Amino acid sequence: MIYRIGAGWSAPVEAMEEALAAMPFAPCGATQDKSFGWVPPRGQAHGALVELVGGHRILRFQIETKAVPGAVIKRHLEERTAEIEAKEGRKPGRKESRDLRDEIVQDLLPMAFAKTASIMVWMDLQAGRLVLDTSSQARADEIITALVKGLDGLQLSPFNTQMSPQAAMTAWLTGSADDWPSHFAPGREVELKSADELKSVVKFTRHHLDDEQMRLHIGQGKLPTKLALDWDGRVSFVLTESTVLGKIAFLDGVFEDNASAEDEGGFDADVAIATGELGALINDLTEALGGELL
């Protein structure tokens, strides 16, 4: 997911480090269902929270959640309700049932398994871009909130282009081969959705995208919401109608081509190659969508 960093914002790495250190990640407590915070991007204990590689700032946001299965809560709630009915001859009301449910969740949370996810955060101050390694809007909102709260003066806004991805994808899919933008070639996956109340969805997977049946669906009013693309034979990805880049995969040879100039394939080399490739891809995609809407 791509965001625009407000014009003029800058902060020394040392100041960012101090600010993020005020919100470190800590695992969930016994009765806590969610915890999040910043961890070292390199994965080393007590490492830096802000890594500077080739002018790019790399952060890592970690989220831990614990949840009690709904079926388990339901079973315990039925048992508690049956006990009250047997002892007091009445059924708990709606509010009492909610309170009982909350008590059950608190009682069972210490035994619940924790799930941990970490999201890489890439700040390119020269290009004025923030890129999050997630396609979840809920997770993106948590990271954006943490960044804006922790870093003084930072303003972030959604990344928008002059032409909407949906309009562009429709034009590419219904046009000729000459209508495809430079540097991009069609992949073999597309999702079409109708705009009516039925919200009908048609998916083509591992399929040639010049198929007449697909054109017929578009002619009937279904519009592309996802489209697989190949960028310069170097990166494959799926573009969505909300300008999210999903299923990103670096194609054979990308890392090998660049490894000799970097440090034995370590963290710095991976970051330098990934940001270099993705930065160029985003620039070309922005141009293909008519430029950025500022």
C-alpha atoms as a PDB file:
ATOM      1  CA  MET A   1       0.000   0.000   0.000  1.00  0.00           C
ATOM      2  CA  ILE A   2       1.370   3.396  -1.012  1.00  0.00           C
ATOM      3  CA  TYR A   3       0.949   6.726   0.781  1.00  0.00           C
ATOM      4  CA  ARG A   4       2.143  10.257   0.095  1.00  0.00           C
ATOM      5  CA  ILE A   5       4.377  11.892   2.724  1.00  0.00           C
ATOM      6  CA  GLY A   6       3.475  15.546   3.291  1.00  0.00           C
ATOM      7  CA  ALA A   7       5.752  17.996   1.512  1.00  0.00           C
ATOM      8  CA  GLY A   8       8.703  19.271   3.494  1.00  0.00           C
ATOM      9  CA  TRP A   9       8.642  16.654   6.229  1.00  0.00           C
ATOM     10  CA  SER A  10      12.012  15.379   7.351  1.00  0.00           C
ATOM     11  CA  ALA A  11      13.490  14.176  10.591  1.00  0.00           C
ATOM     12  CA  PRO A  12      16.969  12.968  11.548  1.00  0.00           C
ATOM     13  CA  VAL A  13      17.239   9.206  11.891  1.00  0.00           C
ATOM     14  CA  GLU A  14      18.277   9.694  15.520  1.00  0.00           C
ATOM     15  CA  ALA A  15      15.070  11.632  16.260  1.00  0.00           C
ATOM     16  CA  MET A  16      12.971   8.931  14.589  1.00  0.00           C
ATOM     17  CA  GLU A  17      14.760   6.262  16.590  1.00  0.00           C
ATOM     18  CA  GLU A  18      13.987   8.041  19.849  1.00  0.00           C
ATOM     19  CA  ALA A  19      10.345   8.571  18.896  1.00  0.00           C
ATOM     20  CA  LEU A  20       9.741   4.928  17.903  1.00  0.00           C
ATOM     21  CA  ALA A  21      11.513   3.701  21.040  1.00  0.00           C
ATOM     22  CA  ALA A  22       8.611   5.211  23.009  1.00  0.00           C
ATOM     23  CA  MET A  23       6.310   2.590  21.443  1.00  0.00           C
ATOM     24  CA  PRO A  24       8.238  -0.704  21.498  1.00  0.00           C
ATOM     25  CA  PHE A  25       6.467  -3.966  20.834  1.00  0.00           C
ATOM     26  CA  ALA A  26       5.682  -6.124  23.861  1.00  0.00           C
ATOM     27  CA  PRO A  27       3.861  -9.492  23.762  1.00  0.00           C
ATOM     28  CA  CYS A  28       0.243  -9.646  24.876  1.00  0.00           C
ATOM     29  CA  GLY A  29      -0.361  -9.902  28.593  1.00  0.00           C
ATOM     30  CA  ALA A  30      -2.362 -12.781  30.043  1.00  0.00           C
ATOM     31  CA  THR A  31      -5.751 -11.125  29.503  1.00  0.00           C
ATOM     32  CA  GLN A  32      -4.757  -8.855  26.601  1.00  0.00           C
ATOM     33  CA  ASP A  33      -6.175  -9.696  23.175  1.00  0.00           C
ATOM     34  CA  LYS A  34      -3.927  -7.406  21.095  1.00  0.00           C
ATOM     35  CA  SER A  35      -0.532  -5.742  21.277  1.00  0.00           C
ATOM     36  CA  PHE A  36       1.538  -3.822  18.735  1.00  0.00           C
ATOM     37  CA  GLY A  37       4.665  -1.704  18.472  1.00  0.00           C
ATOM     38  CA  TRP A  38       8.017  -1.262  16.722  1.00  0.00           C
ATOM     39  CA  VAL A  39      10.736  -3.920  16.481  1.00  0.00           C
ATOM     40  CA  PRO A  40      14.214  -3.885  14.871  1.00  0.00           C
ATOM     41  CA  PRO A  41      13.880  -4.417  11.084  1.00  0.00           C
ATOM     42  CA  ARG A  42      16.912  -6.684  11.005  1.00  0.00           C
ATOM     43  CA  GLY A  43      15.325  -9.005  13.554  1.00  0.00           C
ATOM     44  CA  GLN A  44      18.210  -8.612  15.988  1.00  0.00           C
ATOM     45  CA  ALA A  45      17.425  -8.128  19.668  1.00  0.00           C
ATOM     46  CA  HIS A  46      18.122  -4.585  20.873  1.00  0.00           C
ATOM     47  CA  GLY A  47      18.905  -3.513  17.309  1.00  0.00           C
ATOM     48  CA  ALA A  48      18.078  -0.158  15.735  1.00  0.00           C
ATOM     49  CA  LEU A  49      14.401   0.570  15.055  1.00  0.00           C
ATOM     50  CA  VAL A  50      15.231   2.704  12.003  1.00  0.00           C
ATOM     51  CA  GLU A  51      17.601   1.326   9.374  1.00  0.00           C
ATOM     52  CA  LEU A  52      19.010   3.659   6.735  1.00  0.00           C
ATOM     53  CA  VAL A  53      19.919   1.850   3.507  1.00  0.00           C
ATOM     54  CA  GLY A  54      20.751   3.792   0.366  1.00  0.00           C
ATOM     55  CA  GLY A  55      18.862   6.811   1.658  1.00  0.00           C
ATOM     56  CA  HIS A  56      15.730   4.753   2.376  1.00  0.00           C
ATOM     57  CA  ARG A  57      14.406   4.370   5.924  1.00  0.00           C
ATOM     58  CA  ILE A  58      13.193   0.898   6.853  1.00  0.00           C
ATOM     59  CA  LEU A  59      11.019   0.144   9.897  1.00  0.00           C
ATOM     60  CA  ARG A  60       9.141  -2.912  11.123  1.00  0.00           C
ATOM     61  CA  PHE A  61       5.769  -2.851  12.900  1.00  0.00           C
ATOM     62  CA  GLN A  62       4.765  -5.957  14.845  1.00  0.00           C
ATOM     63  CA  ILE A  63       1.239  -7.004  15.857  1.00  0.00           C
ATOM     64  CA  GLU A  64       0.261  -9.839  18.177  1.00  0.00           C
ATOM     65  CA  THR A  65      -3.322 -10.992  18.648  1.00  0.00           C
ATOM     66  CA  LYS A  66      -5.003 -13.603  20.789  1.00  0.00           C
ATOM     67  CA  ALA A  67      -8.527 -14.849  20.171  1.00  0.00           C
ATOM     68  CA  VAL A  68     -10.797 -17.411  21.800  1.00  0.00           C
ATOM     69  CA  PRO A  69     -12.731 -19.482  19.206  1.00  0.00           C
ATOM     70  CA  GLY A  70     -16.374 -18.492  18.953  1.00  0.00           C
ATOM     71  CA  ALA A  71     -17.546 -22.068  19.386  1.00  0.00           C
ATOM     72  CA  VAL A  72     -15.698 -22.332  22.708  1.00  0.00           C
ATOM     73  CA  ILE A  73     -17.219 -19.067  23.949  1.00  0.00           C
ATOM     74  CA  LYS A  74     -20.682 -20.244  22.905  1.00  0.00           C
ATOM     75  CA  ARG A  75     -20.299 -23.544  24.758  1.00  0.00           C
ATOM     76  CA  HIS A  76     -19.163 -21.889  27.976  1.00  0.00           C
ATOM     77  CA  LEU A  77     -21.920 -19.285  27.718  1.00  0.00           C
ATOM     78  CA  GLU A  78     -24.551 -22.001  27.334  1.00  0.00           C
ATOM     79  CA  GLU A  79     -23.153 -23.770  30.413  1.00  0.00           C
ATOM     80  CA  ARG A  80     -23.227 -20.551  32.491  1.00  0.00           C
ATOM     81  CA  THR A  81     -26.754 -19.769  31.301  1.00  0.00           C
ATOM     82  CA  ALA A  82     -27.935 -23.286  32.197  1.00  0.00           C
ATOM     83  CA  GLU A  83     -26.444 -22.920  35.690  1.00  0.00           C
ATOM     84  CA  ILE A  84     -28.311 -19.637  36.273  1.00  0.00           C
ATOM     85  CA  GLU A  85     -31.568 -21.139  35.036  1.00  0.00           C
ATOM     86  CA  ALA A  86     -31.162 -24.182  37.305  1.00  0.00           C
ATOM     87  CA  LYS A  87     -30.252 -22.158  40.413  1.00  0.00           C
ATOM     88  CA  GLU A  88     -32.417 -19.059  39.983  1.00  0.00           C
ATOM     89  CA  GLY A  89     -35.199 -20.226  37.672  1.00  0.00           C
ATOM     90  CA  ARG A  90     -34.656 -17.424  35.144  1.00  0.00           C
ATOM     91  CA  LYS A  91     -32.862 -16.720  31.915  1.00  0.00           C
ATOM     92  CA  PRO A  92     -30.143 -14.044  31.871  1.00  0.00           C
ATOM     93  CA  GLY A  93     -31.123 -10.844  30.047  1.00  0.00           C
ATOM     94  CA  ARG A  94     -29.284  -9.411  27.061  1.00  0.00           C
ATOM     95  CA  LYS A  95     -26.949  -7.191  29.103  1.00  0.00           C
ATOM     96  CA  GLU A  96     -26.179  -9.964  31.605  1.00  0.00           C
ATOM     97  CA  SER A  97     -25.428 -12.347  28.725  1.00  0.00           C
ATOM     98  CA  ARG A  98     -22.988  -9.804  27.256  1.00  0.00           C
ATOM     99  CA  ASP A  99     -21.288  -9.446  30.638  1.00  0.00           C
ATOM    100  CA  LEU A 100     -21.067 -13.230  30.993  1.00  0.00           C
ATOM    101  CA  ARG A 101     -19.533 -13.472  27.525  1.00  0.00           C
ATOM    102  CA  ASP A 102     -16.910 -10.839  28.403  1.00  0.00           C
ATOM    103  CA  GLU A 103     -16.046 -12.705  31.610  1.00  0.00           C
ATOM    104  CA  ILE A 104     -15.650 -15.960  29.680  1.00  0.00           C
ATOM    105  CA  VAL A 105     -13.318 -14.320  27.153  1.00  0.00           C
ATOM    106  CA  GLN A 106     -11.166 -12.853  29.950  1.00  0.00           C
ATOM    107  CA  ASP A 107     -11.041 -16.242  31.692  1.00  0.00           C
ATOM    108  CA  LEU A 108      -9.966 -18.079  28.521  1.00  0.00           C
ATOM    109  CA  LEU A 109      -7.570 -15.526  26.998  1.00  0.00           C
ATOM    110  CA  PRO A 110      -4.574 -16.693  29.082  1.00  0.00           C
ATOM    111  CA  MET A 111      -4.915 -20.096  27.383  1.00  0.00           C
ATOM    112  CA  ALA A 112      -5.367 -18.731  23.858  1.00  0.00           C
ATOM    113  CA  PHE A 113      -2.584 -19.064  21.286  1.00  0.00           C
ATOM    114  CA  ALA A 114      -0.981 -15.830  20.115  1.00  0.00           C
ATOM    115  CA  LYS A 115      -0.584 -14.968  16.427  1.00  0.00           C
ATOM    116  CA  THR A 116       2.180 -12.587  15.427  1.00  0.00           C
ATOM    117  CA  ALA A 117       2.565 -10.625  12.196  1.00  0.00           C
ATOM    118  CA  SER A 118       5.175  -8.057  11.252  1.00  0.00           C
ATOM    119  CA  ILE A 119       4.885  -5.460   8.499  1.00  0.00           C
ATOM    120  CA  MET A 120       7.852  -3.781   6.873  1.00  0.00           C
ATOM    121  CA  VAL A 121       7.592  -0.004   6.445  1.00  0.00           C
ATOM    122  CA  TRP A 122       9.571   1.760   3.720  1.00  0.00           C
ATOM    123  CA  MET A 123       9.984   5.532   3.834  1.00  0.00           C
ATOM    124  CA  ASP A 124      11.412   7.127   0.700  1.00  0.00           C
ATOM    125  CA  LEU A 125      11.759  10.788   1.655  1.00  0.00           C
ATOM    126  CA  GLN A 126      13.316  11.767  -1.656  1.00  0.00           C
ATOM    127  CA  ALA A 127      10.276  10.503  -3.571  1.00  0.00           C
ATOM    128  CA  GLY A 128       7.913  11.539  -0.777  1.00  0.00           C
ATOM    129  CA  ARG A 129       6.476   8.024  -0.490  1.00  0.00           C
ATOM    130  CA  LEU A 130       5.602   5.665   2.303  1.00  0.00           C
ATOM    131  CA  VAL A 131       5.115   2.012   1.335  1.00  0.00           C
ATOM    132  CA  LEU A 132       3.627  -0.622   3.646  1.00  0.00           C
ATOM    133  CA  ASP A 133       4.134  -4.343   3.110  1.00  0.00           C
ATOM    134  CA  THR A 134       0.459  -5.173   3.681  1.00  0.00           C
ATOM    135  CA  SER A 135      -2.782  -5.185   1.702  1.00  0.00           C
ATOM    136  CA  SER A 136      -4.935  -4.998   4.850  1.00  0.00           C
ATOM    137  CA  GLN A 137      -6.528  -1.592   5.333  1.00  0.00           C
ATOM    138  CA  ALA A 138      -7.047  -2.288   9.049  1.00  0.00           C
ATOM    139  CA  ARG A 139      -3.349  -2.993   9.583  1.00  0.00           C
ATOM    140  CA  ALA A 140      -2.357  -0.037   7.434  1.00  0.00           C
ATOM    141  CA  ASP A 141      -4.565   2.244   9.548  1.00  0.00           C
ATOM    142  CA  GLU A 142      -2.849   1.033  12.732  1.00  0.00           C
ATOM    143  CA  ILE A 143       0.602   1.724  11.291  1.00  0.00           C
ATOM    144  CA  ILE A 144      -0.381   5.135   9.924  1.00  0.00           C
ATOM    145  CA  THR A 145      -1.861   6.094  13.305  1.00  0.00           C
ATOM    146  CA  ALA A 146       1.306   4.990  15.121  1.00  0.00           C
ATOM    147  CA  LEU A 147       3.559   6.909  12.719  1.00  0.00           C
ATOM    148  CA  VAL A 148       1.562  10.144  12.813  1.00  0.00           C
ATOM    149  CA  LYS A 149       1.258   9.938  16.592  1.00  0.00           C
ATOM    150  CA  GLY A 150       4.949   9.210  17.124  1.00  0.00           C
ATOM    151  CA  LEU A 151       6.646  11.418  14.536  1.00  0.00           C
ATOM    152  CA  ASP A 152       6.084  15.160  14.991  1.00  0.00           C
ATOM    153  CA  GLY A 153       4.740  16.969  11.960  1.00  0.00           C
ATOM    154  CA  LEU A 154       4.353  13.858   9.791  1.00  0.00           C
ATOM    155  CA  GLN A 155       1.340  14.027   7.479  1.00  0.00           C
ATOM    156  CA  LEU A 156       0.286  11.093   5.321  1.00  0.00           C
ATOM    157  CA  SER A 157      -2.349  10.876   2.628  1.00  0.00           C
ATOM    158  CA  PRO A 158      -3.516   8.162   0.205  1.00  0.00           C
ATOM    159  CA  PHE A 159      -1.642   7.785  -3.069  1.00  0.00           C
ATOM    160  CA  ASN A 160      -3.937   8.804  -5.951  1.00  0.00           C
ATOM    161  CA  THR A 161      -3.403   8.947  -9.708  1.00  0.00           C
ATOM    162  CA  GLN A 162      -4.982  11.043 -12.473  1.00  0.00           C
ATOM    163  CA  MET A 163      -6.603   7.948 -13.975  1.00  0.00           C
ATOM    164  CA  SER A 164      -8.224   5.417 -11.673  1.00  0.00           C
ATOM    165  CA  PRO A 165      -6.708   1.908 -11.856  1.00  0.00           C
ATOM    166  CA  GLN A 166     -10.138   0.519 -12.769  1.00  0.00           C
ATOM    167  CA  ALA A 167     -10.519   2.847 -15.759  1.00  0.00           C
ATOM    168  CA  ALA A 168      -6.971   2.091 -16.888  1.00  0.00           C
ATOM    169  CA  MET A 169      -7.369  -1.684 -16.495  1.00  0.00           C
ATOM    170  CA  THR A 170     -10.620  -1.563 -18.482  1.00  0.00           C
ATOM    171  CA  ALA A 171      -8.922   0.334 -21.309  1.00  0.00           C
ATOM    172  CA  TRP A 172      -5.981  -2.047 -21.401  1.00  0.00           C
ATOM    173  CA  LEU A 173      -8.133  -5.179 -21.409  1.00  0.00           C
ATOM    174  CA  THR A 174     -10.511  -3.971 -24.113  1.00  0.00           C
ATOM    175  CA  GLY A 175      -7.942  -2.308 -26.338  1.00  0.00           C
ATOM    176  CA  SER A 176      -5.311  -3.701 -28.660  1.00  0.00           C
ATOM    177  CA  ALA A 177      -1.791  -4.795 -27.807  1.00  0.00           C
ATOM    178  CA  ASP A 178      -0.601  -1.274 -28.658  1.00  0.00           C
ATOM    179  CA  ASP A 179      -2.793   0.155 -25.889  1.00  0.00           C
ATOM    180  CA  TRP A 180      -0.789  -1.503 -23.128  1.00  0.00           C
ATOM    181  CA  PRO A 181       1.541   0.918 -21.312  1.00  0.00           C
ATOM    182  CA  SER A 182       5.277   0.628 -21.805  1.00  0.00           C
ATOM    183  CA  HIS A 183       7.102  -1.605 -19.325  1.00  0.00           C
ATOM    184  CA  PHE A 184       3.936  -3.582 -18.510  1.00  0.00           C
ATOM    185  CA  ALA A 185       2.565  -6.835 -19.881  1.00  0.00           C
ATOM    186  CA  PRO A 186      -0.595  -8.701 -18.888  1.00  0.00           C
ATOM    187  CA  GLY A 187      -0.324 -11.596 -16.484  1.00  0.00           C
ATOM    188  CA  ARG A 188      -2.807 -14.455 -16.383  1.00  0.00           C
ATOM    189  CA  GLU A 189      -5.243 -13.371 -13.706  1.00  0.00           C
ATOM    190  CA  VAL A 190      -8.126 -10.898 -13.653  1.00  0.00           C
ATOM    191  CA  GLU A 191     -11.180 -10.338 -11.471  1.00  0.00           C
ATOM    192  CA  LEU A 192     -14.289  -8.620 -12.832  1.00  0.00           C
ATOM    193  CA  LYS A 193     -17.168  -7.343 -10.708  1.00  0.00           C
ATOM    194  CA  SER A 194     -20.533  -5.915 -11.691  1.00  0.00           C
ATOM    195  CA  ALA A 195     -21.589  -2.518 -10.361  1.00  0.00           C
ATOM    196  CA  ASP A 196     -25.241  -3.502  -9.813  1.00  0.00           C
ATOM    197  CA  GLU A 197     -26.839  -4.689  -6.587  1.00  0.00           C
ATOM    198  CA  LEU A 198     -25.908  -8.322  -7.295  1.00  0.00           C
ATOM    199  CA  LYS A 199     -22.149  -7.539  -7.211  1.00  0.00           C
ATOM    200  CA  SER A 200     -21.507 -10.535  -9.452  1.00  0.00           C
ATOM    201  CA  VAL A 201     -17.861 -11.602  -9.628  1.00  0.00           C
ATOM    202  CA  VAL A 202     -16.055 -13.455 -12.403  1.00  0.00           C
ATOM    203  CA  LYS A 203     -12.451 -14.605 -11.957  1.00  0.00           C
ATOM    204  CA  PHE A 204     -10.056 -15.708 -14.674  1.00  0.00           C
ATOM    205  CA  THR A 205      -7.004 -17.513 -13.267  1.00  0.00           C
ATOM    206  CA  ARG A 206      -4.095 -18.905 -15.297  1.00  0.00           C
ATOM    207  CA  HIS A 207      -5.947 -17.611 -18.327  1.00  0.00           C
ATOM    208  CA  HIS A 208      -4.974 -15.598 -21.411  1.00  0.00           C
ATOM    209  CA  LEU A 209      -6.415 -12.133 -20.935  1.00  0.00           C
ATOM    210  CA  ASP A 210      -7.308 -11.570 -24.602  1.00  0.00           C
ATOM    211  CA  ASP A 211     -10.187 -14.022 -24.190  1.00  0.00           C
ATOM    212  CA  GLU A 212     -13.424 -13.000 -25.960  1.00  0.00           C
ATOM    213  CA  GLN A 213     -15.511 -14.270 -23.047  1.00  0.00           C
ATOM    214  CA  MET A 214     -13.729 -11.831 -20.755  1.00  0.00           C
ATOM    215  CA  ARG A 215     -14.408  -8.977 -23.188  1.00  0.00           C
ATOM    216  CA  LEU A 216     -18.064 -10.011 -23.247  1.00  0.00           C
ATOM    217  CA  HIS A 217     -18.276  -9.737 -19.445  1.00  0.00           C
ATOM    218  CA  ILE A 218     -16.749  -6.246 -19.589  1.00  0.00           C
ATOM    219  CA  GLY A 219     -19.198  -5.308 -22.335  1.00  0.00           C
ATOM    220  CA  GLN A 220     -22.020  -6.414 -20.038  1.00  0.00           C
ATOM    221  CA  GLY A 221     -20.909  -3.994 -17.345  1.00  0.00           C
ATOM    222  CA  LYS A 222     -18.465  -5.971 -15.215  1.00  0.00           C
ATOM    223  CA  LEU A 223     -15.359  -3.933 -14.423  1.00  0.00           C
ATOM    224  CA  PRO A 224     -11.861  -5.151 -13.469  1.00  0.00           C
ATOM    225  CA  THR A 225     -11.041  -4.952  -9.760  1.00  0.00           C
ATOM    226  CA  LYS A 226      -7.791  -6.951  -9.926  1.00  0.00           C
ATOM    227  CA  LEU A 227      -5.334  -7.511 -12.749  1.00  0.00           C
ATOM    228  CA  ALA A 228      -2.070  -9.444 -12.831  1.00  0.00           C
ATOM    229  CA  LEU A 229       0.777  -7.536 -14.453  1.00  0.00           C
ATOM    230  CA  ASP A 230       4.410  -8.127 -15.336  1.00  0.00           C
ATOM    231  CA  TRP A 231       6.815  -5.199 -15.082  1.00  0.00           C
ATOM    232  CA  ASP A 232       9.804  -5.352 -17.457  1.00  0.00           C
ATOM    233  CA  GLY A 233      10.153  -9.095 -16.874  1.00  0.00           C
ATOM    234  CA  ARG A 234      11.514  -8.304 -13.420  1.00  0.00           C
ATOM    235  CA  VAL A 235       8.534  -8.100 -11.044  1.00  0.00           C
ATOM    236  CA  SER A 236       5.077  -9.655 -11.217  1.00  0.00           C
ATOM    237  CA  PHE A 237       2.197  -8.296  -9.159  1.00  0.00           C
ATOM    238  CA  VAL A 238      -1.577  -7.852  -9.019  1.00  0.00           C
ATOM    239  CA  LEU A 239      -2.942  -4.307  -9.319  1.00  0.00           C
ATOM    240  CA  THR A 240      -6.231  -3.619  -7.534  1.00  0.00           C
ATOM    241  CA  GLU A 241      -8.853  -0.929  -8.130  1.00  0.00           C
ATOM    242  CA  SER A 242      -7.628   0.873  -4.983  1.00  0.00           C
ATOM    243  CA  THR A 243      -3.999   1.030  -6.243  1.00  0.00           C
ATOM    244  CA  VAL A 244      -2.793  -1.747  -3.944  1.00  0.00           C
ATOM    245  CA  LEU A 245       0.020  -3.895  -5.315  1.00  0.00           C
ATOM    246  CA  GLY A 246      -0.539  -7.493  -4.224  1.00  0.00           C
ATOM    247  CA  LYS A 247       1.199 -10.834  -4.776  1.00  0.00           C
ATOM    248  CA  ILE A 248       4.508  -9.096  -5.503  1.00  0.00           C
ATOM    249  CA  ALA A 249       7.153 -11.522  -6.741  1.00  0.00           C
ATOM    250  CA  PHE A 250      10.658 -10.739  -7.966  1.00  0.00           C
ATOM    251  CA  LEU A 251      11.296 -12.793 -11.070  1.00  0.00           C
ATOM    252  CA  ASP A 252      14.298 -15.014 -11.722  1.00  0.00           C
ATOM    253  CA  GLY A 253      17.587 -13.197 -11.965  1.00  0.00           C
ATOM    254  CA  VAL A 254      16.621  -9.916 -10.273  1.00  0.00           C
ATOM    255  CA  PHE A 255      18.547 -10.491  -7.064  1.00  0.00           C
ATOM    256  CA  GLU A 256      21.322 -12.397  -8.810  1.00  0.00           C
ATOM    257  CA  ASP A 257      21.855  -9.532 -11.275  1.00  0.00           C
ATOM    258  CA  ASN A 258      22.427  -7.057  -8.472  1.00  0.00           C
ATOM    259  CA  ALA A 259      24.038  -9.199  -5.768  1.00  0.00           C
ATOM    260  CA  SER A 260      27.627  -8.711  -6.901  1.00  0.00           C
ATOM    261  CA  ALA A 261      27.470  -5.005  -6.114  1.00  0.00           C
ATOM    262  CA  GLU A 262      26.086  -5.559  -2.639  1.00  0.00           C
ATOM    263  CA  ASP A 263      27.023  -7.289   0.565  1.00  0.00           C
ATOM    264  CA  GLU A 264      26.771 -11.049   0.139  1.00  0.00           C
ATOM    265  CA  GLY A 265      22.981 -11.081  -0.038  1.00  0.00           C
ATOM    266  CA  GLY A 266      22.370  -9.756   3.485  1.00  0.00           C
ATOM    267  CA  PHE A 267      19.761  -7.328   4.800  1.00  0.00           C
ATOM    268  CA  ASP A 268      21.300  -4.255   3.167  1.00  0.00           C
ATOM    269  CA  ALA A 269      21.555  -5.958  -0.234  1.00  0.00           C
ATOM    270  CA  ASP A 270      17.969  -7.213  -0.096  1.00  0.00           C
ATOM    271  CA  VAL A 271      16.657  -3.780   0.892  1.00  0.00           C
ATOM    272  CA  ALA A 272      18.739  -1.973  -1.755  1.00  0.00           C
ATOM    273  CA  ILE A 273      17.566  -4.294  -4.532  1.00  0.00           C
ATOM    274  CA  ALA A 274      13.914  -4.408  -3.436  1.00  0.00           C
ATOM    275  CA  THR A 275      13.580  -0.641  -3.007  1.00  0.00           C
ATOM    276  CA  GLY A 276      15.394  -0.013  -6.287  1.00  0.00           C
ATOM    277  CA  GLU A 277      13.151  -2.347  -8.255  1.00  0.00           C
ATOM    278  CA  LEU A 278       9.882  -1.364  -6.576  1.00  0.00           C
ATOM    279  CA  GLY A 279      10.687   2.332  -6.698  1.00  0.00           C
ATOM    280  CA  ALA A 280      11.156   2.149 -10.473  1.00  0.00           C
ATOM    281  CA  LEU A 281       8.012   0.014 -10.823  1.00  0.00           C
ATOM    282  CA  ILE A 282       5.904   2.543  -8.873  1.00  0.00           C
ATOM    283  CA  ASN A 283       7.278   5.381 -11.025  1.00  0.00           C
ATOM    284  CA  ASP A 284       6.342   3.558 -14.242  1.00  0.00           C
ATOM    285  CA  LEU A 285       2.932   2.585 -12.881  1.00  0.00           C
ATOM    286  CA  THR A 286       2.253   6.192 -11.863  1.00  0.00           C
ATOM    287  CA  GLU A 287       3.092   7.311 -15.400  1.00  0.00           C
ATOM    288  CA  ALA A 288       0.847   4.582 -16.868  1.00  0.00           C
ATOM    289  CA  LEU A 289      -2.028   5.897 -14.739  1.00  0.00           C
ATOM    290  CA  GLY A 290      -1.621   9.455 -15.981  1.00  0.00           C
ATOM    291  CA  GLY A 291       0.641  10.735 -13.217  1.00  0.00           C
ATOM    292  CA  GLU A 292       0.015  11.375  -9.542  1.00  0.00           C
ATOM    293  CA  LEU A 293      -2.996  13.386  -8.441  1.00  0.00           C
ATOM    294  CA  LEU A 294      -1.632  15.820  -5.862  1.00  0.00           C
END
